Amino acid sequence: MPLQSKWQQLPTEAINPASLAIDKLPSTEIIDVMLSEDRKMLAAVGRERERIALAVDIITQALRKGGRLVFIGAGTSGRLGVLEAAEIPPTFGTAPELVQGIMAGGKNAVFLAREGVEDRYDEGARTVARLKAGKRDVFVGVSASGITPFVRGGLAAARTAGARIIFITCDPAADLQTFVDLTIALGVGPEVIAGSTRLKAASATKLVLNMLTTGSMIRIGKTYGNLMVDVQSTSEKLKDRARRILIIATGVDYEGASKLLRRAHGNVKAAIVMQKTRLPYPKALSRVRKADGVVREAVGEDIEPRLRQLLGPAPGGRE
């Protein structure tokens, strides 16, 4: 009998033998099944470690040259990209344009499913065209199935514009190699609920997106050690975090951190340089810029020894 469905053979649509009787299980056993499957998901992400690292390097290079990082997807995959992009400005102090997320159906589809729009190849291409993709940009296509027309159309348009292309899929057999620089194929296997890619596929994808953004932000100097030194002080929680970062990095007390932050106009990086070098704000800011935003270079000091000292001995007396 000839194959009638292009989705039928996708691993994301397959029936999972581990959950055949899941509708008869008590809640604790449902959770056990899901945890067991999630362990397989983590292993699948681990198998793509080298490709994920290469993707971080590609993105880092693009950002250093003034390019943008753009996620493009539909449905759950699209929402994950939009969420990732939305989290970057408050976490790392970036402009909203630096990391963007676009999805089939636009902003309204983030909150209300509009499944049919993912089938529109031309709309994906037009959406990317409106962004004026260029050679310095990196576009990351996110498609659990690997065949979403909207994503394919967007990536094709980005490729034509000269952008670098990374593709994240949960189908290792996806056939986009002809116009993709790098494919990250997450072989998570069939879902606990057949076809429900909001489960393992989404979890694996979210982990990879976290790694791509966090890794590239670290590489361009958005942290000092593991401190979030480009945090934006736009809420009381974030202002408190900024003060605590200054206390950890410089040794000032809480009130001193508040004063230092005011003198630095809320710029944590500049505040650290001001305290460490005794330079006034304009010169401290200039030094940060000359160091390409890397605090370690601006102050000539590694923070790791101080962080280890503050943490104290490791359990069992190991340093």
C-alpha atoms as a PDB file:
ATOM      1  CA  MET A   1       0.000   0.000   0.000  1.00  0.00           C
ATOM      2  CA  PRO A   2       1.517   3.377  -1.002  1.00  0.00           C
ATOM      3  CA  LEU A   3       2.360   5.879   1.719  1.00  0.00           C
ATOM      4  CA  GLN A   4      -0.435   8.457   2.036  1.00  0.00           C
ATOM      5  CA  SER A   5       1.075  10.751   4.687  1.00  0.00           C
ATOM      6  CA  LYS A   6       4.340  12.702   4.634  1.00  0.00           C
ATOM      7  CA  TRP A   7       4.188  12.860   8.440  1.00  0.00           C
ATOM      8  CA  GLN A   8       3.610   9.156   9.056  1.00  0.00           C
ATOM      9  CA  GLN A   9       7.296   8.175   9.078  1.00  0.00           C
ATOM     10  CA  LEU A  10       8.503  11.084  11.204  1.00  0.00           C
ATOM     11  CA  PRO A  11       9.993  10.045  14.562  1.00  0.00           C
ATOM     12  CA  THR A  12       7.999  12.815  16.232  1.00  0.00           C
ATOM     13  CA  GLU A  13       4.757  11.128  15.095  1.00  0.00           C
ATOM     14  CA  ALA A  14       5.698   7.579  16.054  1.00  0.00           C
ATOM     15  CA  ILE A  15       3.985   5.515  18.764  1.00  0.00           C
ATOM     16  CA  ASN A  16       6.084   5.094  21.900  1.00  0.00           C
ATOM     17  CA  PRO A  17       6.108   1.472  23.148  1.00  0.00           C
ATOM     18  CA  ALA A  18       6.933   2.666  26.669  1.00  0.00           C
ATOM     19  CA  SER A  19       3.605   4.487  27.070  1.00  0.00           C
ATOM     20  CA  LEU A  20       1.065   2.250  25.324  1.00  0.00           C
ATOM     21  CA  ALA A  21      -1.030   1.838  28.488  1.00  0.00           C
ATOM     22  CA  ILE A  22      -0.436   5.298  29.922  1.00  0.00           C
ATOM     23  CA  ASP A  23      -4.154   6.029  30.139  1.00  0.00           C
ATOM     24  CA  LYS A  24      -4.522   3.203  32.673  1.00  0.00           C
ATOM     25  CA  LEU A  25      -1.667   4.275  34.944  1.00  0.00           C
ATOM     26  CA  PRO A  26      -1.944   6.116  38.280  1.00  0.00           C
ATOM     27  CA  SER A  27      -0.451   9.601  38.356  1.00  0.00           C
ATOM     28  CA  THR A  28       2.826   8.529  39.971  1.00  0.00           C
ATOM     29  CA  GLU A  29       3.473   5.985  37.230  1.00  0.00           C
ATOM     30  CA  ILE A  30       2.627   8.509  34.503  1.00  0.00           C
ATOM     31  CA  ILE A  31       5.306  10.750  35.995  1.00  0.00           C
ATOM     32  CA  ASP A  32       7.746   7.817  36.128  1.00  0.00           C
ATOM     33  CA  VAL A  33       7.207   7.132  32.424  1.00  0.00           C
ATOM     34  CA  MET A  34       7.741  10.792  31.565  1.00  0.00           C
ATOM     35  CA  LEU A  35      10.894  11.039  33.674  1.00  0.00           C
ATOM     36  CA  SER A  36      12.288   7.944  32.010  1.00  0.00           C
ATOM     37  CA  GLU A  37      11.645   9.441  28.577  1.00  0.00           C
ATOM     38  CA  ASP A  38      13.162  12.769  29.608  1.00  0.00           C
ATOM     39  CA  ARG A  39      16.378  10.983  30.530  1.00  0.00           C
ATOM     40  CA  LYS A  40      16.514   9.750  26.931  1.00  0.00           C
ATOM     41  CA  MET A  41      15.951  13.344  25.821  1.00  0.00           C
ATOM     42  CA  LEU A  42      18.973  14.552  27.810  1.00  0.00           C
ATOM     43  CA  ALA A  43      21.109  11.846  26.248  1.00  0.00           C
ATOM     44  CA  ALA A  44      19.964  12.964  22.786  1.00  0.00           C
ATOM     45  CA  VAL A  45      21.054  16.533  23.505  1.00  0.00           C
ATOM     46  CA  GLY A  46      24.393  15.259  24.788  1.00  0.00           C
ATOM     47  CA  ARG A  47      25.033  13.414  21.532  1.00  0.00           C
ATOM     48  CA  GLU A  48      24.869  16.747  19.683  1.00  0.00           C
ATOM     49  CA  ARG A  49      27.355  18.447  22.037  1.00  0.00           C
ATOM     50  CA  GLU A  50      29.987  19.205  19.390  1.00  0.00           C
ATOM     51  CA  ARG A  51      27.477  20.585  16.896  1.00  0.00           C
ATOM     52  CA  ILE A  52      25.902  22.776  19.558  1.00  0.00           C
ATOM     53  CA  ALA A  53      29.355  24.129  20.450  1.00  0.00           C
ATOM     54  CA  LEU A  54      30.054  24.845  16.775  1.00  0.00           C
ATOM     55  CA  ALA A  55      26.732  26.707  16.575  1.00  0.00           C
ATOM     56  CA  VAL A  56      27.771  28.823  19.570  1.00  0.00           C
ATOM     57  CA  ASP A  57      30.984  29.713  17.745  1.00  0.00           C
ATOM     58  CA  ILE A  58      29.082  30.656  14.573  1.00  0.00           C
ATOM     59  CA  ILE A  59      26.707  32.892  16.551  1.00  0.00           C
ATOM     60  CA  THR A  60      29.529  34.462  18.570  1.00  0.00           C
ATOM     61  CA  GLN A  61      31.415  35.372  15.414  1.00  0.00           C
ATOM     62  CA  ALA A  62      28.298  36.943  13.918  1.00  0.00           C
ATOM     63  CA  LEU A  63      27.468  38.990  17.019  1.00  0.00           C
ATOM     64  CA  ARG A  64      31.038  40.291  17.247  1.00  0.00           C
ATOM     65  CA  LYS A  65      30.701  41.550  13.683  1.00  0.00           C
ATOM     66  CA  GLY A  66      27.459  43.389  14.422  1.00  0.00           C
ATOM     67  CA  GLY A  67      25.096  40.711  13.174  1.00  0.00           C
ATOM     68  CA  ARG A  68      21.807  39.518  14.636  1.00  0.00           C
ATOM     69  CA  LEU A  69      20.565  36.171  15.877  1.00  0.00           C
ATOM     70  CA  VAL A  70      17.068  35.302  14.666  1.00  0.00           C
ATOM     71  CA  PHE A  71      15.009  32.246  15.603  1.00  0.00           C
ATOM     72  CA  ILE A  72      12.270  31.183  13.212  1.00  0.00           C
ATOM     73  CA  GLY A  73       9.644  28.541  13.904  1.00  0.00           C
ATOM     74  CA  ALA A  74       5.970  27.628  14.057  1.00  0.00           C
ATOM     75  CA  GLY A  75       3.753  26.346  16.839  1.00  0.00           C
ATOM     76  CA  THR A  76       5.631  25.152  19.912  1.00  0.00           C
ATOM     77  CA  SER A  77       8.982  25.540  18.159  1.00  0.00           C
ATOM     78  CA  GLY A  78       8.167  29.127  17.256  1.00  0.00           C
ATOM     79  CA  ARG A  79       7.060  29.975  20.787  1.00  0.00           C
ATOM     80  CA  LEU A  80      10.321  28.604  22.179  1.00  0.00           C
ATOM     81  CA  GLY A  81      12.290  30.895  19.873  1.00  0.00           C
ATOM     82  CA  VAL A  82      10.181  33.923  20.801  1.00  0.00           C
ATOM     83  CA  LEU A  83      10.602  33.142  24.515  1.00  0.00           C
ATOM     84  CA  GLU A  84      14.360  32.757  24.148  1.00  0.00           C
ATOM     85  CA  ALA A  85      14.669  36.072  22.329  1.00  0.00           C
ATOM     86  CA  ALA A  86      12.499  37.871  24.895  1.00  0.00           C
ATOM     87  CA  GLU A  87      14.706  36.728  27.782  1.00  0.00           C
ATOM     88  CA  ILE A  88      17.996  38.023  26.386  1.00  0.00           C
ATOM     89  CA  PRO A  89      17.659  41.837  26.808  1.00  0.00           C
ATOM     90  CA  PRO A  90      16.855  41.791  30.565  1.00  0.00           C
ATOM     91  CA  THR A  91      19.410  39.063  31.258  1.00  0.00           C
ATOM     92  CA  PHE A  92      22.338  40.337  29.211  1.00  0.00           C
ATOM     93  CA  GLY A  93      21.554  43.997  28.572  1.00  0.00           C
ATOM     94  CA  THR A  94      21.221  43.679  24.810  1.00  0.00           C
ATOM     95  CA  ALA A  95      19.153  45.748  22.408  1.00  0.00           C
ATOM     96  CA  PRO A  96      15.846  44.043  21.486  1.00  0.00           C
ATOM     97  CA  GLU A  97      16.986  43.828  17.869  1.00  0.00           C
ATOM     98  CA  LEU A  98      20.078  41.748  18.617  1.00  0.00           C
ATOM     99  CA  VAL A  99      18.244  38.486  19.288  1.00  0.00           C
ATOM    100  CA  GLN A 100      14.820  38.090  17.713  1.00  0.00           C
ATOM    101  CA  GLY A 101      12.181  35.404  17.465  1.00  0.00           C
ATOM    102  CA  ILE A 102       9.671  35.160  14.631  1.00  0.00           C
ATOM    103  CA  MET A 103       6.940  32.583  14.292  1.00  0.00           C
ATOM    104  CA  ALA A 104       4.226  31.612  11.869  1.00  0.00           C
ATOM    105  CA  GLY A 105       1.135  33.706  12.569  1.00  0.00           C
ATOM    106  CA  GLY A 106       3.011  36.538  14.268  1.00  0.00           C
ATOM    107  CA  LYS A 107       2.573  37.753  17.837  1.00  0.00           C
ATOM    108  CA  ASN A 108      -1.032  36.605  18.117  1.00  0.00           C
ATOM    109  CA  ALA A 109       0.021  33.005  17.509  1.00  0.00           C
ATOM    110  CA  VAL A 110       2.181  33.059  20.637  1.00  0.00           C
ATOM    111  CA  PHE A 111      -0.960  32.982  22.800  1.00  0.00           C
ATOM    112  CA  LEU A 112      -3.518  31.398  20.490  1.00  0.00           C
ATOM    113  CA  ALA A 113      -2.669  28.397  18.289  1.00  0.00           C
ATOM    114  CA  ARG A 114      -2.925  29.124  14.558  1.00  0.00           C
ATOM    115  CA  GLU A 115      -1.714  25.834  13.183  1.00  0.00           C
ATOM    116  CA  GLY A 116      -2.573  26.413   9.512  1.00  0.00           C
ATOM    117  CA  VAL A 117      -0.124  29.274   9.043  1.00  0.00           C
ATOM    118  CA  GLU A 118       2.854  26.939   9.412  1.00  0.00           C
ATOM    119  CA  ASP A 119       2.030  25.499   5.959  1.00  0.00           C
ATOM    120  CA  ARG A 120       2.740  28.805   4.166  1.00  0.00           C
ATOM    121  CA  TYR A 121       6.231  28.651   2.676  1.00  0.00           C
ATOM    122  CA  ASP A 122       5.876  32.034   0.996  1.00  0.00           C
ATOM    123  CA  GLU A 123       4.855  33.716   4.253  1.00  0.00           C
ATOM    124  CA  GLY A 124       8.038  32.455   5.894  1.00  0.00           C
ATOM    125  CA  ALA A 125      10.066  33.966   3.073  1.00  0.00           C
ATOM    126  CA  ARG A 126       8.193  37.282   3.268  1.00  0.00           C
ATOM    127  CA  THR A 127       8.625  37.471   7.050  1.00  0.00           C
ATOM    128  CA  VAL A 128      12.393  37.114   6.728  1.00  0.00           C
ATOM    129  CA  ALA A 129      12.480  39.603   3.842  1.00  0.00           C
ATOM    130  CA  ARG A 130      10.845  42.202   6.086  1.00  0.00           C
ATOM    131  CA  LEU A 131      13.727  41.789   8.547  1.00  0.00           C
ATOM    132  CA  LYS A 132      16.221  42.656   5.799  1.00  0.00           C
ATOM    133  CA  ALA A 133      18.469  39.687   6.521  1.00  0.00           C
ATOM    134  CA  GLY A 134      22.131  40.206   5.739  1.00  0.00           C
ATOM    135  CA  LYS A 135      25.481  38.441   5.574  1.00  0.00           C
ATOM    136  CA  ARG A 136      26.337  39.239   9.202  1.00  0.00           C
ATOM    137  CA  ASP A 137      23.170  37.595  10.576  1.00  0.00           C
ATOM    138  CA  VAL A 138      22.542  34.057  11.815  1.00  0.00           C
ATOM    139  CA  PHE A 139      19.109  32.494  11.384  1.00  0.00           C
ATOM    140  CA  VAL A 140      18.205  29.479  13.491  1.00  0.00           C
ATOM    141  CA  GLY A 141      15.337  27.442  12.092  1.00  0.00           C
ATOM    142  CA  VAL A 142      13.461  25.446  14.722  1.00  0.00           C
ATOM    143  CA  SER A 143      11.249  22.607  13.498  1.00  0.00           C
ATOM    144  CA  ALA A 144      10.691  19.419  15.452  1.00  0.00           C
ATOM    145  CA  SER A 145       9.436  17.612  12.344  1.00  0.00           C
ATOM    146  CA  GLY A 146      12.036  19.142  10.038  1.00  0.00           C
ATOM    147  CA  ILE A 147       9.483  19.766   7.282  1.00  0.00           C
ATOM    148  CA  THR A 148       7.576  22.889   8.395  1.00  0.00           C
ATOM    149  CA  PRO A 149       7.041  24.959   5.197  1.00  0.00           C
ATOM    150  CA  PHE A 150       7.019  28.342   6.994  1.00  0.00           C
ATOM    151  CA  VAL A 151      10.445  27.609   8.491  1.00  0.00           C
ATOM    152  CA  ARG A 152      11.836  26.291   5.233  1.00  0.00           C
ATOM    153  CA  GLY A 153      10.648  29.368   3.365  1.00  0.00           C
ATOM    154  CA  GLY A 154      12.193  31.678   5.940  1.00  0.00           C
ATOM    155  CA  LEU A 155      15.520  29.868   5.926  1.00  0.00           C
ATOM    156  CA  ALA A 156      15.629  29.836   2.128  1.00  0.00           C
ATOM    157  CA  ALA A 157      15.130  33.609   2.066  1.00  0.00           C
ATOM    158  CA  ALA A 158      17.783  34.125   4.730  1.00  0.00           C
ATOM    159  CA  ARG A 159      20.211  31.941   2.778  1.00  0.00           C
ATOM    160  CA  THR A 160      19.583  33.945  -0.380  1.00  0.00           C
ATOM    161  CA  ALA A 161      20.432  37.092   1.603  1.00  0.00           C
ATOM    162  CA  GLY A 162      23.745  35.543   2.641  1.00  0.00           C
ATOM    163  CA  ALA A 163      22.967  34.835   6.301  1.00  0.00           C
ATOM    164  CA  ARG A 164      24.424  31.839   8.143  1.00  0.00           C
ATOM    165  CA  ILE A 165      21.857  29.106   8.743  1.00  0.00           C
ATOM    166  CA  ILE A 166      21.538  26.732  11.711  1.00  0.00           C
ATOM    167  CA  PHE A 167      18.737  24.185  11.812  1.00  0.00           C
ATOM    168  CA  ILE A 168      17.387  22.487  14.949  1.00  0.00           C
ATOM    169  CA  THR A 169      15.170  19.463  14.395  1.00  0.00           C
ATOM    170  CA  CYS A 170      14.098  16.250  16.118  1.00  0.00           C
ATOM    171  CA  ASP A 171      14.270  14.273  12.883  1.00  0.00           C
ATOM    172  CA  PRO A 172      17.858  13.112  12.214  1.00  0.00           C
ATOM    173  CA  ALA A 173      16.830  12.356   8.623  1.00  0.00           C
ATOM    174  CA  ALA A 174      15.789  15.952   7.826  1.00  0.00           C
ATOM    175  CA  ASP A 175      16.930  16.864   4.309  1.00  0.00           C
ATOM    176  CA  LEU A 176      17.834  20.565   4.573  1.00  0.00           C
ATOM    177  CA  GLN A 177      21.583  20.083   4.214  1.00  0.00           C
ATOM    178  CA  THR A 178      21.632  21.787   0.807  1.00  0.00           C
ATOM    179  CA  PHE A 179      21.162  25.280   2.254  1.00  0.00           C
ATOM    180  CA  VAL A 180      21.973  24.872   5.935  1.00  0.00           C
ATOM    181  CA  ASP A 181      25.410  25.523   7.432  1.00  0.00           C
ATOM    182  CA  LEU A 182      24.804  23.313  10.454  1.00  0.00           C
ATOM    183  CA  THR A 183      22.074  20.908  11.556  1.00  0.00           C
ATOM    184  CA  ILE A 184      21.517  19.985  15.191  1.00  0.00           C
ATOM    185  CA  ALA A 185      19.460  16.797  15.055  1.00  0.00           C
ATOM    186  CA  LEU A 186      17.982  15.785  18.388  1.00  0.00           C
ATOM    187  CA  GLY A 187      17.064  12.113  18.186  1.00  0.00           C
ATOM    188  CA  VAL A 188      14.685  12.165  21.142  1.00  0.00           C
ATOM    189  CA  GLY A 189      12.484   9.389  19.784  1.00  0.00           C
ATOM    190  CA  PRO A 190       8.683   9.148  19.961  1.00  0.00           C
ATOM    191  CA  GLU A 191       6.765  11.194  22.479  1.00  0.00           C
ATOM    192  CA  VAL A 192       4.869   9.811  25.475  1.00  0.00           C
ATOM    193  CA  ILE A 193       1.739  11.063  23.690  1.00  0.00           C
ATOM    194  CA  ALA A 194       2.237  10.326  19.990  1.00  0.00           C
ATOM    195  CA  GLY A 195       2.894  13.507  18.039  1.00  0.00           C
ATOM    196  CA  SER A 196       2.866  15.842  21.052  1.00  0.00           C
ATOM    197  CA  THR A 197       6.113  17.670  20.357  1.00  0.00           C
ATOM    198  CA  ARG A 198       5.529  20.036  23.279  1.00  0.00           C
ATOM    199  CA  LEU A 199       7.074  17.236  25.385  1.00  0.00           C
ATOM    200  CA  LYS A 200      10.529  15.729  24.748  1.00  0.00           C
ATOM    201  CA  ALA A 201      11.062  17.563  21.480  1.00  0.00           C
ATOM    202  CA  ALA A 202      10.265  20.911  23.088  1.00  0.00           C
ATOM    203  CA  SER A 203      12.370  20.200  26.181  1.00  0.00           C
ATOM    204  CA  ALA A 204      15.370  19.210  24.081  1.00  0.00           C
ATOM    205  CA  THR A 205      14.944  22.252  21.845  1.00  0.00           C
ATOM    206  CA  LYS A 206      14.688  24.596  24.830  1.00  0.00           C
ATOM    207  CA  LEU A 207      17.923  23.182  26.253  1.00  0.00           C
ATOM    208  CA  VAL A 208      19.717  23.788  22.967  1.00  0.00           C
ATOM    209  CA  LEU A 209      18.368  27.336  22.637  1.00  0.00           C
ATOM    210  CA  ASN A 210      19.553  28.037  26.195  1.00  0.00           C
ATOM    211  CA  MET A 211      23.007  26.793  25.237  1.00  0.00           C
ATOM    212  CA  LEU A 212      23.181  28.803  22.018  1.00  0.00           C
ATOM    213  CA  THR A 213      22.224  32.110  23.614  1.00  0.00           C
ATOM    214  CA  THR A 214      24.011  31.661  26.938  1.00  0.00           C
ATOM    215  CA  GLY A 215      27.173  30.317  25.324  1.00  0.00           C
ATOM    216  CA  SER A 216      27.393  33.123  22.777  1.00  0.00           C
ATOM    217  CA  MET A 217      26.590  35.815  25.366  1.00  0.00           C
ATOM    218  CA  ILE A 218      29.380  34.508  27.613  1.00  0.00           C
ATOM    219  CA  ARG A 219      31.768  34.488  24.667  1.00  0.00           C
ATOM    220  CA  ILE A 220      31.083  38.168  23.859  1.00  0.00           C
ATOM    221  CA  GLY A 221      31.727  39.264  27.444  1.00  0.00           C
ATOM    222  CA  LYS A 222      28.282  39.444  29.002  1.00  0.00           C
ATOM    223  CA  THR A 223      29.464  37.754  32.202  1.00  0.00           C
ATOM    224  CA  TYR A 224      32.372  38.183  34.621  1.00  0.00           C
ATOM    225  CA  GLY A 225      33.061  34.666  35.790  1.00  0.00           C
ATOM    226  CA  ASN A 226      29.479  33.462  36.121  1.00  0.00           C
ATOM    227  CA  LEU A 227      28.119  36.828  37.255  1.00  0.00           C
ATOM    228  CA  MET A 228      25.464  38.552  35.140  1.00  0.00           C
ATOM    229  CA  VAL A 229      27.346  41.853  34.816  1.00  0.00           C
ATOM    230  CA  ASP A 230      25.253  43.258  31.965  1.00  0.00           C
ATOM    231  CA  VAL A 231      22.022  42.886  33.920  1.00  0.00           C
ATOM    232  CA  GLN A 232      19.596  45.762  33.399  1.00  0.00           C
ATOM    233  CA  SER A 233      18.414  47.369  36.656  1.00  0.00           C
ATOM    234  CA  THR A 234      14.809  47.773  35.517  1.00  0.00           C
ATOM    235  CA  SER A 235      13.019  46.285  38.548  1.00  0.00           C
ATOM    236  CA  GLU A 236      13.626  46.120  42.283  1.00  0.00           C
ATOM    237  CA  LYS A 237      14.714  42.493  41.948  1.00  0.00           C
ATOM    238  CA  LEU A 238      17.220  43.334  39.227  1.00  0.00           C
ATOM    239  CA  LYS A 239      18.493  46.392  41.111  1.00  0.00           C
ATOM    240  CA  ASP A 240      19.106  44.176  44.115  1.00  0.00           C
ATOM    241  CA  ARG A 241      20.888  41.640  41.913  1.00  0.00           C
ATOM    242  CA  ALA A 242      23.098  44.384  40.505  1.00  0.00           C
ATOM    243  CA  ARG A 243      24.041  45.505  44.027  1.00  0.00           C
ATOM    244  CA  ARG A 244      24.839  41.938  45.085  1.00  0.00           C
ATOM    245  CA  ILE A 245      27.007  41.450  42.008  1.00  0.00           C
ATOM    246  CA  LEU A 246      28.985  44.564  42.943  1.00  0.00           C
ATOM    247  CA  ILE A 247      29.386  43.325  46.517  1.00  0.00           C
ATOM    248  CA  ILE A 248      30.709  39.992  45.266  1.00  0.00           C
ATOM    249  CA  ALA A 249      32.977  41.450  42.585  1.00  0.00           C
ATOM    250  CA  THR A 250      34.431  44.402  44.504  1.00  0.00           C
ATOM    251  CA  GLY A 251      33.951  43.789  48.230  1.00  0.00           C
ATOM    252  CA  VAL A 252      31.916  46.936  48.895  1.00  0.00           C
ATOM    253  CA  ASP A 253      29.001  46.744  51.344  1.00  0.00           C
ATOM    254  CA  TYR A 254      25.328  47.001  50.348  1.00  0.00           C
ATOM    255  CA  GLU A 255      25.095  50.768  50.817  1.00  0.00           C
ATOM    256  CA  GLY A 256      28.390  51.244  49.016  1.00  0.00           C
ATOM    257  CA  ALA A 257      27.087  49.157  46.141  1.00  0.00           C
ATOM    258  CA  SER A 258      23.992  51.352  45.914  1.00  0.00           C
ATOM    259  CA  LYS A 259      26.099  54.515  45.735  1.00  0.00           C
ATOM    260  CA  LEU A 260      28.500  52.969  43.240  1.00  0.00           C
ATOM    261  CA  LEU A 261      25.636  51.871  41.018  1.00  0.00           C
ATOM    262  CA  ARG A 262      24.158  55.389  41.029  1.00  0.00           C
ATOM    263  CA  ARG A 263      27.516  56.908  40.094  1.00  0.00           C
ATOM    264  CA  ALA A 264      27.786  54.387  37.261  1.00  0.00           C
ATOM    265  CA  HIS A 265      24.279  55.260  35.998  1.00  0.00           C
ATOM    266  CA  GLY A 266      23.178  51.666  36.599  1.00  0.00           C
ATOM    267  CA  ASN A 267      25.991  50.180  34.489  1.00  0.00           C
ATOM    268  CA  VAL A 268      27.347  47.239  36.495  1.00  0.00           C
ATOM    269  CA  LYS A 269      30.404  46.735  34.295  1.00  0.00           C
ATOM    270  CA  ALA A 270      31.421  50.365  34.588  1.00  0.00           C
ATOM    271  CA  ALA A 271      30.796  50.264  38.343  1.00  0.00           C
ATOM    272  CA  ILE A 272      33.167  47.309  38.774  1.00  0.00           C
ATOM    273  CA  VAL A 273      35.877  49.085  36.774  1.00  0.00           C
ATOM    274  CA  MET A 274      35.330  52.302  38.736  1.00  0.00           C
ATOM    275  CA  GLN A 275      35.793  50.525  42.048  1.00  0.00           C
ATOM    276  CA  LYS A 276      38.745  48.409  40.916  1.00  0.00           C
ATOM    277  CA  THR A 277      40.665  51.179  39.123  1.00  0.00           C
ATOM    278  CA  ARG A 278      39.388  54.339  40.889  1.00  0.00           C
ATOM    279  CA  LEU A 279      38.593  55.820  37.492  1.00  0.00           C
ATOM    280  CA  PRO A 280      35.630  58.202  37.062  1.00  0.00           C
ATOM    281  CA  TYR A 281      32.582  56.936  35.195  1.00  0.00           C
ATOM    282  CA  PRO A 282      33.441  58.259  31.697  1.00  0.00           C
ATOM    283  CA  LYS A 283      36.931  56.760  31.758  1.00  0.00           C
ATOM    284  CA  ALA A 284      35.703  53.502  33.262  1.00  0.00           C
ATOM    285  CA  LEU A 285      33.087  53.215  30.540  1.00  0.00           C
ATOM    286  CA  SER A 286      35.745  53.923  27.916  1.00  0.00           C
ATOM    287  CA  ARG A 287      37.943  51.198  29.354  1.00  0.00           C
ATOM    288  CA  VAL A 288      35.062  48.698  29.187  1.00  0.00           C
ATOM    289  CA  ARG A 289      34.482  49.579  25.549  1.00  0.00           C
ATOM    290  CA  LYS A 290      38.161  49.254  24.670  1.00  0.00           C
ATOM    291  CA  ALA A 291      38.083  45.789  26.248  1.00  0.00           C
ATOM    292  CA  ASP A 292      35.143  44.875  23.967  1.00  0.00           C
ATOM    293  CA  GLY A 293      32.908  44.659  27.009  1.00  0.00           C
ATOM    294  CA  VAL A 294      35.020  41.998  28.748  1.00  0.00           C
ATOM    295  CA  VAL A 295      35.335  43.003  32.415  1.00  0.00           C
ATOM    296  CA  ARG A 296      38.237  40.635  33.038  1.00  0.00           C
ATOM    297  CA  GLU A 297      40.241  42.487  30.394  1.00  0.00           C
ATOM    298  CA  ALA A 298      39.105  45.913  31.587  1.00  0.00           C
ATOM    299  CA  VAL A 299      40.275  45.372  35.174  1.00  0.00           C
ATOM    300  CA  GLY A 300      43.092  42.930  34.482  1.00  0.00           C
ATOM    301  CA  GLU A 301      41.820  40.556  37.135  1.00  0.00           C
ATOM    302  CA  ASP A 302      40.290  37.084  37.147  1.00  0.00           C
ATOM    303  CA  ILE A 303      37.310  36.819  39.473  1.00  0.00           C
ATOM    304  CA  GLU A 304      37.369  33.030  39.866  1.00  0.00           C
ATOM    305  CA  PRO A 305      39.709  33.009  42.921  1.00  0.00           C
ATOM    306  CA  ARG A 306      37.456  35.492  44.735  1.00  0.00           C
ATOM    307  CA  LEU A 307      34.342  33.488  43.923  1.00  0.00           C
ATOM    308  CA  ARG A 308      35.969  30.298  45.218  1.00  0.00           C
ATOM    309  CA  GLN A 309      37.012  32.085  48.401  1.00  0.00           C
ATOM    310  CA  LEU A 310      33.461  33.344  48.973  1.00  0.00           C
ATOM    311  CA  LEU A 311      32.026  29.874  48.415  1.00  0.00           C
ATOM    312  CA  GLY A 312      34.390  28.293  50.901  1.00  0.00           C
ATOM    313  CA  PRO A 313      35.829  24.759  50.839  1.00  0.00           C
ATOM    314  CA  ALA A 314      34.073  22.138  48.779  1.00  0.00           C
ATOM    315  CA  PRO A 315      32.242  19.331  50.612  1.00  0.00           C
ATOM    316  CA  GLY A 316      34.709  16.810  51.993  1.00  0.00           C
ATOM    317  CA  GLY A 317      37.429  19.441  52.287  1.00  0.00           C
ATOM    318  CA  ARG A 318      38.267  19.503  48.558  1.00  0.00           C
ATOM    319  CA  GLU A 319      39.159  22.883  47.079  1.00  0.00           C
END
